[in-house]
Amino acid sequence: GGHHLFLAYDGGEPTPVGFVSGVETTHPDKGT
């Protein structure tokens, strides 16, 4: 939960040409 990975593709090509990953972090006094 809270882990995200997006892949970028060029047109109809099957191999990704880029990605970004992110992780949600939550703290009791700050939120997410």
Full PDB file with SEQRES, HELIX, SHEET, SSBOND, CRYST1, ORIGX, SCALE, CONECT and MASTER records, all heavy atoms in Angstrom:
SEQRES   1 A   32  GLY GLY HIS HIS LEU PHE LEU ALA TYR ASP GLY GLY GLU          
SEQRES   2 A   32  PRO THR PRO VAL GLY PHE VAL SER GLY VAL GLU THR THR          
SEQRES   3 A   32  HIS PRO ASP LYS GLY THR                                      
SHEET    1 AA1 2 HIS A   3  ALA A   8  0                                        
SHEET    2 AA1 2 GLY A  18  VAL A  23 -1                                        
CRYST1    1.000    1.000    1.000  90.00  90.00  90.00 P 1           1          
ORIGX1      1.000000  0.000000  0.000000        0.00000                         
ORIGX2      0.000000  1.000000  0.000000        0.00000                         
ORIGX3      0.000000  0.000000  1.000000        0.00000                         
SCALE1      1.000000  0.000000  0.000000        0.00000                         
SCALE2      0.000000  1.000000  0.000000        0.00000                         
SCALE3      0.000000  0.000000  1.000000        0.00000                         
ATOM      1  N   GLY A   1       0.828  -1.202   0.000  1.00  0.00           N  
ATOM      2  CA  GLY A   1       0.000   0.000   0.000  1.00  0.00           C  
ATOM      3  C   GLY A   1       0.865   1.255   0.000  1.00  0.00           C  
ATOM      4  O   GLY A   1       1.901   1.296   0.667  1.00  0.00           O  
ATOM      5  N   GLY A   2       0.461   2.250  -0.757  1.00  0.00           N  
ATOM      6  CA  GLY A   2       1.185   3.505  -0.787  1.00  0.00           C  
ATOM      7  C   GLY A   2       2.431   3.511  -1.649  1.00  0.00           C  
ATOM      8  O   GLY A   2       3.173   4.491  -1.648  1.00  0.00           O  
ATOM      9  N   HIS A   3       2.675   2.441  -2.385  1.00  0.00           N  
ATOM     10  CA  HIS A   3       3.815   2.370  -3.306  1.00  0.00           C  
ATOM     11  C   HIS A   3       3.289   2.490  -4.732  1.00  0.00           C  
ATOM     12  O   HIS A   3       2.328   1.797  -5.094  1.00  0.00           O  
ATOM     13  CB  HIS A   3       4.554   1.041  -3.145  1.00  0.00           C  
ATOM     14  CG  HIS A   3       5.351   0.955  -1.882  1.00  0.00           C  
ATOM     15  ND1 HIS A   3       4.782   1.025  -0.643  1.00  0.00           N  
ATOM     16  CD2 HIS A   3       6.678   0.804  -1.689  1.00  0.00           C  
ATOM     17  CE1 HIS A   3       5.734   0.922   0.277  1.00  0.00           C  
ATOM     18  NE2 HIS A   3       6.890   0.788  -0.333  1.00  0.00           N  
ATOM     19  N   HIS A   4       3.923   3.341  -5.530  1.00  0.00           N  
ATOM     20  CA  HIS A   4       3.421   3.641  -6.869  1.00  0.00           C  
ATOM     21  C   HIS A   4       4.565   3.628  -7.882  1.00  0.00           C  
ATOM     22  O   HIS A   4       5.644   4.153  -7.605  1.00  0.00           O  
ATOM     23  CB  HIS A   4       2.740   5.011  -6.885  1.00  0.00           C  
ATOM     24  CG  HIS A   4       1.785   5.194  -5.749  1.00  0.00           C  
ATOM     25  ND1 HIS A   4       0.530   4.611  -5.747  1.00  0.00           N  
ATOM     26  CD2 HIS A   4       1.901   5.856  -4.571  1.00  0.00           C  
ATOM     27  CE1 HIS A   4      -0.084   4.927  -4.618  1.00  0.00           C  
ATOM     28  NE2 HIS A   4       0.728   5.680  -3.887  1.00  0.00           N  
ATOM     29  N   LEU A   5       4.309   3.033  -9.032  1.00  0.00           N  
ATOM     30  CA  LEU A   5       5.293   2.991 -10.111  1.00  0.00           C  
ATOM     31  C   LEU A   5       4.563   3.207 -11.427  1.00  0.00           C  
ATOM     32  O   LEU A   5       3.655   2.451 -11.777  1.00  0.00           O  
ATOM     33  CB  LEU A   5       6.018   1.640 -10.134  1.00  0.00           C  
ATOM     34  CG  LEU A   5       7.079   1.445 -11.209  1.00  0.00           C  
ATOM     35  CD1 LEU A   5       8.249   2.396 -11.019  1.00  0.00           C  
ATOM     36  CD2 LEU A   5       7.584   0.010 -11.198  1.00  0.00           C  
ATOM     37  N   PHE A   6       4.931   4.283 -12.119  1.00  0.00           N  
ATOM     38  CA  PHE A   6       4.366   4.588 -13.426  1.00  0.00           C  
ATOM     39  C   PHE A   6       5.427   4.371 -14.487  1.00  0.00           C  
ATOM     40  O   PHE A   6       6.585   4.778 -14.312  1.00  0.00           O  
ATOM     41  CB  PHE A   6       3.866   6.035 -13.492  1.00  0.00           C  
ATOM     42  CG  PHE A   6       2.663   6.287 -12.638  1.00  0.00           C  
ATOM     43  CD1 PHE A   6       2.794   6.842 -11.377  1.00  0.00           C  
ATOM     44  CD2 PHE A   6       1.393   5.957 -13.092  1.00  0.00           C  
ATOM     45  CE1 PHE A   6       1.692   7.081 -10.583  1.00  0.00           C  
ATOM     46  CE2 PHE A   6       0.278   6.187 -12.301  1.00  0.00           C  
ATOM     47  CZ  PHE A   6       0.428   6.748 -11.049  1.00  0.00           C  
ATOM     48  N   LEU A   7       5.032   3.730 -15.587  1.00  0.00           N  
ATOM     49  CA  LEU A   7       5.919   3.473 -16.714  1.00  0.00           C  
ATOM     50  C   LEU A   7       5.476   4.308 -17.906  1.00  0.00           C  
ATOM     51  O   LEU A   7       4.278   4.484 -18.135  1.00  0.00           O  
ATOM     52  CB  LEU A   7       5.876   1.993 -17.093  1.00  0.00           C  
ATOM     53  CG  LEU A   7       6.321   1.017 -16.003  1.00  0.00           C  
ATOM     54  CD1 LEU A   7       5.987  -0.414 -16.405  1.00  0.00           C  
ATOM     55  CD2 LEU A   7       7.798   1.177 -15.703  1.00  0.00           C  
ATOM     56  N   ALA A   8       6.441   4.812 -18.658  1.00  0.00           N  
ATOM     57  CA  ALA A   8       6.161   5.594 -19.864  1.00  0.00           C  
ATOM     58  C   ALA A   8       6.538   4.760 -21.083  1.00  0.00           C  
ATOM     59  O   ALA A   8       7.586   4.118 -21.111  1.00  0.00           O  
ATOM     60  CB  ALA A   8       6.964   6.886 -19.851  1.00  0.00           C  
ATOM     61  N   TYR A   9       5.672   4.806 -22.073  1.00  0.00           N  
ATOM     62  CA  TYR A   9       5.877   4.079 -23.324  1.00  0.00           C  
ATOM     63  C   TYR A   9       5.823   5.061 -24.481  1.00  0.00           C  
ATOM     64  O   TYR A   9       5.079   6.043 -24.450  1.00  0.00           O  
ATOM     65  CB  TYR A   9       4.787   3.016 -23.514  1.00  0.00           C  
ATOM     66  CG  TYR A   9       4.820   1.943 -22.465  1.00  0.00           C  
ATOM     67  CD1 TYR A   9       4.152   2.111 -21.253  1.00  0.00           C  
ATOM     68  CD2 TYR A   9       5.523   0.764 -22.668  1.00  0.00           C  
ATOM     69  CE1 TYR A   9       4.182   1.128 -20.276  1.00  0.00           C  
ATOM     70  CE2 TYR A   9       5.560  -0.223 -21.696  1.00  0.00           C  
ATOM     71  CZ  TYR A   9       4.891  -0.036 -20.509  1.00  0.00           C  
ATOM     72  OH  TYR A   9       4.921  -1.001 -19.545  1.00  0.00           O  
ATOM     73  N   ASP A  10       6.599   4.788 -25.517  1.00  0.00           N  
ATOM     74  CA  ASP A  10       6.601   5.609 -26.732  1.00  0.00           C  
ATOM     75  C   ASP A  10       5.685   4.941 -27.745  1.00  0.00           C  
ATOM     76  O   ASP A  10       6.001   3.869 -28.269  1.00  0.00           O  
ATOM     77  CB  ASP A  10       8.014   5.731 -27.283  1.00  0.00           C  
ATOM     78  CG  ASP A  10       8.097   6.621 -28.513  1.00  0.00           C  
ATOM     79  OD1 ASP A  10       7.125   7.342 -28.807  1.00  0.00           O  
ATOM     80  OD2 ASP A  10       9.139   6.597 -29.180  1.00  0.00           O  
ATOM     81  N   GLY A  11       4.541   5.574 -28.010  1.00  0.00           N  
ATOM     82  CA  GLY A  11       3.588   5.012 -28.966  1.00  0.00           C  
ATOM     83  C   GLY A  11       3.171   3.614 -28.554  1.00  0.00           C  
ATOM     84  O   GLY A  11       2.853   3.355 -27.408  1.00  0.00           O  
ATOM     85  N   GLY A  12       3.210   2.697 -29.486  1.00  0.00           N  
ATOM     86  CA  GLY A  12       2.804   1.320 -29.225  1.00  0.00           C  
ATOM     87  C   GLY A  12       3.952   0.401 -28.864  1.00  0.00           C  
ATOM     88  O   GLY A  12       3.783  -0.815 -28.843  1.00  0.00           O  
ATOM     89  N   GLU A  13       5.133   0.970 -28.589  1.00  0.00           N  
ATOM     90  CA  GLU A  13       6.287   0.135 -28.248  1.00  0.00           C  
ATOM     91  C   GLU A  13       6.052  -0.631 -26.945  1.00  0.00           C  
ATOM     92  O   GLU A  13       5.492  -0.078 -25.999  1.00  0.00           O  
ATOM     93  CB  GLU A  13       7.543   0.995 -28.126  1.00  0.00           C  
ATOM     94  CG  GLU A  13       7.966   1.657 -29.419  1.00  0.00           C  
ATOM     95  CD  GLU A  13       8.363   0.656 -30.488  1.00  0.00           C  
ATOM     96  OE1 GLU A  13       9.023  -0.344 -30.171  1.00  0.00           O  
ATOM     97  OE2 GLU A  13       7.981   0.875 -31.651  1.00  0.00           O  
ATOM     98  N   PRO A  14       6.507  -1.892 -26.868  1.00  0.00           N  
ATOM     99  CA  PRO A  14       6.262  -2.693 -25.672  1.00  0.00           C  
ATOM    100  C   PRO A  14       7.235  -2.432 -24.516  1.00  0.00           C  
ATOM    101  O   PRO A  14       6.947  -2.793 -23.383  1.00  0.00           O  
ATOM    102  CB  PRO A  14       6.421  -4.128 -26.178  1.00  0.00           C  
ATOM    103  CG  PRO A  14       7.391  -4.001 -27.311  1.00  0.00           C  
ATOM    104  CD  PRO A  14       7.102  -2.667 -27.954  1.00  0.00           C  
ATOM    105  N   THR A  15       8.378  -1.819 -24.795  1.00  0.00           N  
ATOM    106  CA  THR A  15       9.385  -1.596 -23.760  1.00  0.00           C  
ATOM    107  C   THR A  15       9.254  -0.186 -23.185  1.00  0.00           C  
ATOM    108  O   THR A  15       9.243   0.785 -23.942  1.00  0.00           O  
ATOM    109  CB  THR A  15      10.802  -1.790 -24.337  1.00  0.00           C  
ATOM    110  OG1 THR A  15      10.891  -3.100 -24.894  1.00  0.00           O  
ATOM    111  CG2 THR A  15      11.863  -1.632 -23.262  1.00  0.00           C  
ATOM    112  N   PRO A  16       9.188  -0.064 -21.864  1.00  0.00           N  
ATOM    113  CA  PRO A  16       9.097   1.266 -21.263  1.00  0.00           C  
ATOM    114  C   PRO A  16      10.334   2.108 -21.582  1.00  0.00           C  
ATOM    115  O   PRO A  16      11.443   1.585 -21.700  1.00  0.00           O  
ATOM    116  CB  PRO A  16       9.026   0.978 -19.763  1.00  0.00           C  
ATOM    117  CG  PRO A  16       8.594  -0.440 -19.651  1.00  0.00           C  
ATOM    118  CD  PRO A  16       9.143  -1.133 -20.856  1.00  0.00           C  
ATOM    119  N   VAL A  17      10.132   3.423 -21.706  1.00  0.00           N  
ATOM    120  CA  VAL A  17      11.237   4.344 -21.984  1.00  0.00           C  
ATOM    121  C   VAL A  17      11.484   5.292 -20.802  1.00  0.00           C  
ATOM    122  O   VAL A  17      12.379   6.135 -20.871  1.00  0.00           O  
ATOM    123  CB  VAL A  17      11.000   5.147 -23.283  1.00  0.00           C  
ATOM    124  CG1 VAL A  17      10.950   4.198 -24.475  1.00  0.00           C  
ATOM    125  CG2 VAL A  17       9.746   5.994 -23.209  1.00  0.00           C  
ATOM    126  N   GLY A  18      10.713   5.131 -19.743  1.00  0.00           N  
ATOM    127  CA  GLY A  18      10.912   5.929 -18.546  1.00  0.00           C  
ATOM    128  C   GLY A  18      10.024   5.432 -17.426  1.00  0.00           C  
ATOM    129  O   GLY A  18       9.095   4.656 -17.659  1.00  0.00           O  
ATOM    130  N   PHE A  19      10.348   5.853 -16.213  1.00  0.00           N  
ATOM    131  CA  PHE A  19       9.488   5.508 -15.075  1.00  0.00           C  
ATOM    132  C   PHE A  19       9.667   6.535 -13.976  1.00  0.00           C  
ATOM    133  O   PHE A  19      10.666   7.257 -13.914  1.00  0.00           O  
ATOM    134  CB  PHE A  19       9.785   4.101 -14.540  1.00  0.00           C  
ATOM    135  CG  PHE A  19      11.011   4.001 -13.663  1.00  0.00           C  
ATOM    136  CD1 PHE A  19      10.931   4.228 -12.296  1.00  0.00           C  
ATOM    137  CD2 PHE A  19      12.241   3.672 -14.196  1.00  0.00           C  
ATOM    138  CE1 PHE A  19      12.061   4.145 -11.482  1.00  0.00           C  
ATOM    139  CE2 PHE A  19      13.371   3.585 -13.412  1.00  0.00           C  
ATOM    140  CZ  PHE A  19      13.284   3.821 -12.045  1.00  0.00           C  
ATOM    141  N   VAL A  20       8.688   6.588 -13.106  1.00  0.00           N  
ATOM    142  CA  VAL A  20       8.774   7.332 -11.858  1.00  0.00           C  
ATOM    143  C   VAL A  20       8.165   6.449 -10.774  1.00  0.00           C  
ATOM    144  O   VAL A  20       7.168   5.760 -11.011  1.00  0.00           O  
ATOM    145  CB  VAL A  20       8.058   8.711 -11.934  1.00  0.00           C  
ATOM    146  CG1 VAL A  20       6.554   8.560 -12.088  1.00  0.00           C  
ATOM    147  CG2 VAL A  20       8.406   9.579 -10.730  1.00  0.00           C  
ATOM    148  N   SER A  21       8.800   6.452  -9.613  1.00  0.00           N  
ATOM    149  CA  SER A  21       8.242   5.710  -8.486  1.00  0.00           C  
ATOM    150  C   SER A  21       8.065   6.663  -7.313  1.00  0.00           C  
ATOM    151  O   SER A  21       8.815   7.640  -7.159  1.00  0.00           O  
ATOM    152  CB  SER A  21       9.141   4.532  -8.091  1.00  0.00           C  
ATOM    153  OG  SER A  21      10.428   4.978  -7.696  1.00  0.00           O  
ATOM    154  N   GLY A  22       7.060   6.368  -6.521  1.00  0.00           N  
ATOM    155  CA  GLY A  22       6.779   7.178  -5.348  1.00  0.00           C  
ATOM    156  C   GLY A  22       6.283   6.333  -4.209  1.00  0.00           C  
ATOM    157  O   GLY A  22       5.713   5.258  -4.423  1.00  0.00           O  
ATOM    158  N   VAL A  23       6.522   6.810  -2.998  1.00  0.00           N  
ATOM    159  CA  VAL A  23       6.096   6.107  -1.793  1.00  0.00           C  
ATOM    160  C   VAL A  23       5.441   7.118  -0.863  1.00  0.00           C  
ATOM    161  O   VAL A  23       6.017   8.165  -0.566  1.00  0.00           O  
ATOM    162  CB  VAL A  23       7.292   5.433  -1.081  1.00  0.00           C  
ATOM    163  CG1 VAL A  23       6.849   4.754   0.210  1.00  0.00           C  
ATOM    164  CG2 VAL A  23       7.985   4.431  -2.004  1.00  0.00           C  
ATOM    165  N   GLU A  24       4.234   6.815  -0.432  1.00  0.00           N  
ATOM    166  CA  GLU A  24       3.544   7.664   0.531  1.00  0.00           C  
ATOM    167  C   GLU A  24       4.137   7.419   1.915  1.00  0.00           C  
ATOM    168  O   GLU A  24       4.342   6.274   2.309  1.00  0.00           O  
ATOM    169  CB  GLU A  24       2.059   7.332   0.566  1.00  0.00           C  
ATOM    170  CG  GLU A  24       1.334   7.653  -0.715  1.00  0.00           C  
ATOM    171  CD  GLU A  24      -0.107   7.207  -0.695  1.00  0.00           C  
ATOM    172  OE1 GLU A  24      -0.786   7.385   0.346  1.00  0.00           O  
ATOM    173  OE2 GLU A  24      -0.553   6.663  -1.722  1.00  0.00           O  
ATOM    174  N   THR A  25       4.423   8.507   2.610  1.00  0.00           N  
ATOM    175  CA  THR A  25       4.903   8.410   3.979  1.00  0.00           C  
ATOM    176  C   THR A  25       3.949   9.186   4.877  1.00  0.00           C  
ATOM    177  O   THR A  25       3.548  10.297   4.544  1.00  0.00           O  
ATOM    178  CB  THR A  25       6.344   8.961   4.124  1.00  0.00           C  
ATOM    179  OG1 THR A  25       6.354  10.330   3.740  1.00  0.00           O  
ATOM    180  CG2 THR A  25       7.310   8.183   3.255  1.00  0.00           C  
ATOM    181  N   THR A  26       3.577   8.577   5.991  1.00  0.00           N  
ATOM    182  CA  THR A  26       2.611   9.186   6.901  1.00  0.00           C  
ATOM    183  C   THR A  26       3.237   9.329   8.282  1.00  0.00           C  
ATOM    184  O   THR A  26       3.900   8.405   8.766  1.00  0.00           O  
ATOM    185  CB  THR A  26       1.336   8.326   6.994  1.00  0.00           C  
ATOM    186  OG1 THR A  26       0.793   8.187   5.678  1.00  0.00           O  
ATOM    187  CG2 THR A  26       0.298   8.958   7.905  1.00  0.00           C  
ATOM    188  N   HIS A  27       3.007  10.473   8.891  1.00  0.00           N  
ATOM    189  CA  HIS A  27       3.496  10.727  10.248  1.00  0.00           C  
ATOM    190  C   HIS A  27       2.332  11.217  11.092  1.00  0.00           C  
ATOM    191  O   HIS A  27       1.465  11.937  10.584  1.00  0.00           O  
ATOM    192  CB  HIS A  27       4.620  11.779  10.201  1.00  0.00           C  
ATOM    193  CG  HIS A  27       5.457  11.762  11.426  1.00  0.00           C  
ATOM    194  ND1 HIS A  27       5.198  12.552  12.516  1.00  0.00           N  
ATOM    195  CD2 HIS A  27       6.545  11.030  11.739  1.00  0.00           C  
ATOM    196  CE1 HIS A  27       6.093  12.325  13.456  1.00  0.00           C  
ATOM    197  NE2 HIS A  27       6.929  11.402  13.014  1.00  0.00           N  
ATOM    198  N   PRO A  28       2.298  10.840  12.381  1.00  0.00           N  
ATOM    199  CA  PRO A  28       1.148  11.176  13.209  1.00  0.00           C  
ATOM    200  C   PRO A  28       0.799  12.657  13.302  1.00  0.00           C  
ATOM    201  O   PRO A  28      -0.369  13.018  13.458  1.00  0.00           O  
ATOM    202  CB  PRO A  28       1.536  10.643  14.602  1.00  0.00           C  
ATOM    203  CG  PRO A  28       2.510   9.556  14.324  1.00  0.00           C  
ATOM    204  CD  PRO A  28       3.262   9.997  13.101  1.00  0.00           C  
ATOM    205  N   ASP A  29       1.790  13.545  13.209  1.00  0.00           N  
ATOM    206  CA  ASP A  29       1.481  14.963  13.359  1.00  0.00           C  
ATOM    207  C   ASP A  29       1.547  15.753  12.053  1.00  0.00           C  
ATOM    208  O   ASP A  29       1.363  16.959  12.047  1.00  0.00           O  
ATOM    209  CB  ASP A  29       2.411  15.619  14.397  1.00  0.00           C  
ATOM    210  CG  ASP A  29       3.850  15.699  13.926  1.00  0.00           C  
ATOM    211  OD1 ASP A  29       4.259  14.883  13.080  1.00  0.00           O  
ATOM    212  OD2 ASP A  29       4.578  16.585  14.405  1.00  0.00           O  
ATOM    213  N   LYS A  30       1.788  15.060  10.954  1.00  0.00           N  
ATOM    214  CA  LYS A  30       1.934  15.772   9.686  1.00  0.00           C  
ATOM    215  C   LYS A  30       0.947  15.309   8.621  1.00  0.00           C  
ATOM    216  O   LYS A  30       0.657  16.040   7.693  1.00  0.00           O  
ATOM    217  CB  LYS A  30       3.360  15.619   9.162  1.00  0.00           C  
ATOM    218  CG  LYS A  30       4.396  16.311  10.033  1.00  0.00           C  
ATOM    219  CD  LYS A  30       5.792  16.046   9.528  1.00  0.00           C  
ATOM    220  CE  LYS A  30       6.821  16.675  10.422  1.00  0.00           C  
ATOM    221  NZ  LYS A  30       6.900  16.122  11.760  1.00  0.00           N  
ATOM    222  N   GLY A  31       0.512  14.086   8.691  1.00  0.00           N  
ATOM    223  CA  GLY A  31      -0.313  13.526   7.630  1.00  0.00           C  
ATOM    224  C   GLY A  31       0.555  12.783   6.636  1.00  0.00           C  
ATOM    225  O   GLY A  31       1.634  12.299   6.978  1.00  0.00           O  
ATOM    226  N   THR A  32       0.099  12.737   5.388  1.00  0.00           N  
ATOM    227  CA  THR A  32       0.779  11.931   4.366  1.00  0.00           C  
ATOM    228  C   THR A  32       1.371  12.830   3.291  1.00  0.00           C  
ATOM    229  O   THR A  32       0.724  13.752   2.813  1.00  0.00           O  
ATOM    230  CB  THR A  32      -0.214  10.939   3.732  1.00  0.00           C  
ATOM    231  OG1 THR A  32      -0.743  10.106   4.772  1.00  0.00           O  
ATOM    232  CG2 THR A  32       0.466  10.064   2.701  1.00  0.00           C  
TER     233      THR A  32                                                      
MASTER        0    0    0    0    2    0    0    6  232    1    0    3          
END                                                                             
